[in-house]
Every structure is written in structure tokens, then in C-alpha cells.
Amino acid sequence: MHQTVKTLFRLFFAMLIFLITLALFISLYAKGKEIINAEQAFQQAKIVSLKSNPQQQLVLLSNNQGSQKLIYILLAHNGYVAKVRCEHYLTDICTDAYNDSHTRQIQDVDLLTVNQHSYIQKVNYQDSLTQQQQQWSYSKAQIRDFYQADILTLKYIVFSILLFALATLYVCIRIIKNFKTFLTR
């Protein structure tokens, strides 16, 4: 009985390693394809224009501290519509003064979306505390630089996943090579 449980556990463990390896290689394929088609995807980027109205008030929320450095375009009391990485907007939109503050009420915003990446192309908002109006806009060239920086970061991530995937592939080959020994050991 003890040997059967031990064998079943090892079989389950081997299947888990195989599945993780397969998932890593599928992720490498998908992200590699995204990197290869990055320029074409940027050419096919879509612009999404959003405007606030009395029924749906948009709010700009940012946080440049902690592990999740993001800007959120929120629908008041209904969750977020879009999230944008903060690192590209640290000097203007994503500042310490507005960390986790819901005071920036958006009049209109244009978002450029490329695959899973979103970028603020133009935003017009009013601070509800100071009543100060603020507008920021970014050229297509600036957004292209933002996107290329994100793709470069993705390349480093894909490289580290590749190293881990190769290590798991090595383990899989070793398990398959000595499968009977692995199950009975």
C-alpha cells in the first residue's frame, strides 16, 4: 500500500513537472511572437476615446510607490476601465502629490492600446480639491518610445523564462530517461 501511494505521488509529481514545462514553452512562444510582431502591432494600435458624463464619472488614480506602479482610469464606484504603467508618466501624471488620490476627475481621455499595453495619448482632468484644470498630451513618437521600452523589458522577462524552461526541460528529460527508477525510488 505504501509503495502504491508513493508511486502515485511520484507519477503526479512527474505530470506536474511536464505540465509546468509545457506551460513555460507555450508562454515563450506567445511572448516571443508578441516581441517579433511588435512593430506591426504598434502600426495597428487602436485609439479609445473616453469622456465623462453625469452618469459615468471617470477618475484618474495613480500610485508610483510599491510593487504595482500603475495609473488607473476608473469609473467612479464601478472599477477600472484601463490601467497604464506608471514609469512612462513619472514627471507629470504619476507624481507623489497624487498617490492614491481620487481627486482628478477626467473630462476626456484618449488611450492608445497595443495588444495588452495601454498608453495615455491625451488626458484632460480637473482636480476636485483645487479646481485646477490640467491637460497632458503625448506624441505618437513618445508613445512609440514607451512601447519599445516595454518590449525591451519583455525581452528580459522572456530570456529569464527561457532559462527556467530549459532547466525544467532538462529535468523532464532526466525523468523520462529513468522513468521506472524515478517511480520506484
Protein backbone atom coordinates (compact mmCIF):
# COMPACT_ATOMS: atom_id res chain seq x y z
CA MET A 1 0.00 0.00 0.00
CA HIS A 2 2.77 2.41 0.99
CA GLN A 3 4.65 1.75 -2.27
CA THR A 4 1.47 2.34 -4.33
CA VAL A 5 0.86 5.73 -2.70
CA LYS A 6 4.50 6.63 -3.18
CA THR A 7 4.36 5.61 -6.87
CA LEU A 8 1.13 7.56 -7.45
CA PHE A 9 2.63 10.64 -5.80
CA ARG A 10 5.75 10.42 -7.97
CA LEU A 11 3.61 9.93 -11.08
CA PHE A 12 1.55 13.00 -10.15
CA PHE A 13 4.75 14.94 -9.45
CA ALA A 14 6.21 13.98 -12.86
CA MET A 15 2.99 15.03 -14.63
CA LEU A 16 3.08 18.35 -12.79
CA ILE A 17 6.66 18.97 -13.93
CA PHE A 18 5.70 18.11 -17.53
CA LEU A 19 2.71 20.47 -17.43
CA ILE A 20 4.76 23.32 -15.99
CA THR A 21 7.38 22.79 -18.70
CA LEU A 22 4.71 22.80 -21.38
CA ALA A 23 3.16 25.99 -19.96
CA LEU A 24 6.56 27.69 -19.92
CA PHE A 25 7.21 26.86 -23.57
CA ILE A 26 3.71 27.98 -24.58
CA SER A 27 4.34 31.28 -22.75
CA LEU A 28 7.69 31.63 -24.51
CA TYR A 29 6.00 31.08 -27.87
CA ALA A 30 3.25 33.64 -27.19
CA LYS A 31 5.55 36.33 -25.81
CA GLY A 32 8.17 35.67 -28.48
CA LYS A 33 5.51 36.15 -31.12
CA GLU A 34 4.49 39.42 -29.42
CA ILE A 35 8.11 40.63 -29.50
CA ILE A 36 8.58 39.66 -33.15
CA ASN A 37 5.32 41.35 -34.22
CA ALA A 38 5.80 44.42 -32.00
CA GLU A 39 6.25 46.93 -34.81
CA GLN A 40 3.29 45.61 -36.77
CA ALA A 41 1.14 45.64 -33.62
CA PHE A 42 2.09 49.26 -32.98
CA GLN A 43 1.05 50.18 -36.51
CA GLN A 44 -2.36 48.58 -35.84
CA ALA A 45 -2.83 50.28 -32.45
CA LYS A 46 -6.31 51.45 -31.59
CA ILE A 47 -7.27 54.74 -30.03
CA VAL A 48 -10.01 54.58 -27.42
CA SER A 49 -11.62 57.91 -26.52
CA LEU A 50 -13.50 58.17 -23.24
CA LYS A 51 -15.50 61.10 -21.89
CA SER A 52 -17.06 61.66 -18.53
CA ASN A 53 -20.75 62.35 -18.24
CA PRO A 54 -23.06 62.80 -15.22
CA GLN A 55 -23.94 59.08 -15.21
CA GLN A 56 -20.36 57.83 -15.59
CA GLN A 57 -17.67 59.94 -13.99
CA LEU A 58 -14.10 58.96 -14.91
CA VAL A 59 -11.37 59.38 -12.30
CA LEU A 60 -7.58 59.29 -12.69
CA LEU A 61 -5.82 57.34 -9.93
CA SER A 62 -2.08 56.73 -9.79
CA ASN A 63 0.46 55.20 -7.45
CA ASN A 64 4.19 55.46 -8.11
CA GLN A 65 5.25 53.60 -4.97
CA GLY A 66 5.27 49.93 -4.09
CA SER A 67 5.43 46.99 -6.45
CA GLN A 68 2.38 47.92 -8.57
CA LYS A 69 3.30 51.27 -10.11
CA LEU A 70 0.17 51.86 -12.16
CA ILE A 71 -2.23 54.52 -13.35
CA TYR A 72 -5.90 53.57 -13.33
CA ILE A 73 -8.68 55.17 -15.33
CA LEU A 74 -11.62 54.46 -13.03
CA LEU A 75 -15.35 54.58 -13.50
CA ALA A 76 -16.46 56.10 -10.20
CA HIS A 77 -17.69 53.28 -7.89
CA ASN A 78 -17.51 50.67 -10.70
CA GLY A 79 -13.86 49.60 -11.03
CA TYR A 80 -11.26 50.48 -13.62
CA VAL A 81 -11.60 50.89 -17.37
CA ALA A 82 -7.87 50.82 -18.14
CA LYS A 83 -4.55 50.53 -16.38
CA VAL A 84 -1.33 52.04 -17.61
CA ARG A 85 2.22 51.53 -16.36
CA CYS A 86 3.36 54.47 -14.27
CA GLU A 87 7.02 54.52 -15.30
CA HIS A 88 6.39 56.47 -18.51
CA TYR A 89 4.45 59.26 -16.77
CA LEU A 90 6.51 59.84 -13.59
CA THR A 91 7.15 63.54 -14.27
CA ASP A 92 3.58 64.61 -14.97
CA ILE A 93 0.66 62.25 -14.29
CA CYS A 94 2.11 59.77 -11.82
CA THR A 95 3.54 62.10 -9.17
CA ASP A 96 3.85 61.80 -5.39
CA ALA A 97 1.28 64.57 -4.90
CA TYR A 98 -1.50 62.40 -6.35
CA ASN A 99 -0.59 58.98 -4.94
CA ASP A 100 -3.81 57.07 -4.22
CA SER A 101 -5.82 60.28 -4.51
CA HIS A 102 -9.24 60.17 -6.20
CA THR A 103 -9.40 63.94 -6.77
CA ARG A 104 -8.58 64.05 -10.50
CA GLN A 105 -11.88 63.97 -12.38
CA ILE A 106 -11.34 63.26 -16.06
CA GLN A 107 -13.24 65.26 -18.66
CA ASP A 108 -11.83 63.24 -21.58
CA VAL A 109 -9.00 60.82 -22.22
CA ASP A 110 -7.57 59.16 -25.33
CA LEU A 111 -5.87 55.82 -24.82
CA LEU A 112 -3.67 54.11 -27.38
CA THR A 113 -3.91 50.33 -26.96
CA VAL A 114 -1.35 47.97 -28.44
CA ASN A 115 -2.06 44.31 -27.65
CA GLN A 116 -2.22 44.25 -23.85
CA HIS A 117 -0.42 47.57 -23.39
CA SER A 118 -2.30 50.84 -22.91
CA TYR A 119 -0.83 54.33 -23.13
CA ILE A 120 -2.34 57.71 -22.38
CA GLN A 121 -2.20 59.82 -25.52
CA LYS A 122 -4.20 62.75 -24.17
CA VAL A 123 -5.91 63.42 -20.86
CA ASN A 124 -7.84 66.41 -19.62
CA TYR A 125 -8.85 66.48 -15.96
CA GLN A 126 -9.81 68.77 -13.11
CA ASP A 127 -8.64 68.45 -9.53
CA SER A 128 -11.77 68.45 -7.38
CA LEU A 129 -9.90 69.97 -4.40
CA THR A 130 -8.16 72.89 -6.11
CA GLN A 131 -10.48 73.19 -9.13
CA GLN A 132 -7.32 73.40 -11.25
CA GLN A 133 -7.67 72.20 -14.84
CA GLN A 134 -4.79 70.13 -16.25
CA GLN A 135 -4.14 68.68 -19.69
CA TRP A 136 -1.38 66.35 -20.84
CA SER A 137 -0.77 65.03 -24.33
CA TYR A 138 1.90 62.80 -25.83
CA SER A 139 3.00 62.44 -29.43
CA LYS A 140 2.96 59.19 -31.35
CA ALA A 141 6.78 59.20 -31.24
CA GLN A 142 6.77 59.44 -27.43
CA ILE A 143 4.27 56.60 -27.16
CA ARG A 144 6.37 54.53 -29.59
CA ASP A 145 9.36 55.05 -27.24
CA PHE A 146 7.19 53.96 -24.28
CA TYR A 147 6.13 50.84 -26.18
CA GLN A 148 9.69 50.00 -27.25
CA ALA A 149 10.82 50.30 -23.62
CA ASP A 150 8.03 47.90 -22.59
CA ILE A 151 9.04 45.44 -25.33
CA LEU A 152 12.68 45.63 -24.18
CA THR A 153 11.56 44.79 -20.64
CA LEU A 154 9.53 41.92 -22.07
CA LYS A 155 12.65 40.60 -23.82
CA TYR A 156 14.47 40.35 -20.48
CA ILE A 157 11.50 38.58 -18.92
CA VAL A 158 11.31 36.14 -21.84
CA PHE A 159 15.04 35.43 -21.50
CA SER A 160 14.66 34.58 -17.81
CA ILE A 161 11.64 32.37 -18.57
CA LEU A 162 13.70 30.65 -21.28
CA LEU A 163 16.43 29.80 -18.77
CA PHE A 164 13.87 28.37 -16.35
CA ALA A 165 12.12 26.47 -19.17
CA LEU A 166 15.41 24.90 -20.27
CA ALA A 167 16.09 23.81 -16.69
CA THR A 168 12.65 22.19 -16.44
CA LEU A 169 13.15 20.56 -19.85
CA TYR A 170 16.39 19.05 -18.56
CA VAL A 171 14.54 17.69 -15.53
CA CYS A 172 11.81 16.26 -17.80
CA ILE A 173 14.39 14.51 -19.97
CA ARG A 174 16.05 13.04 -16.88
CA ILE A 175 12.68 11.81 -15.58
CA ILE A 176 11.75 10.22 -18.93
CA LYS A 177 15.18 8.66 -19.29
CA ASN A 178 14.94 6.96 -15.90
CA PHE A 179 11.16 6.76 -15.56
CA LYS A 180 11.00 3.31 -13.90
CA THR A 181 13.71 4.26 -11.43
CA PHE A 182 12.01 7.59 -10.74
CA LEU A 183 8.70 5.89 -9.91
CA THR A 184 10.14 3.16 -7.68
CA ARG A 185 12.92 5.03 -5.90
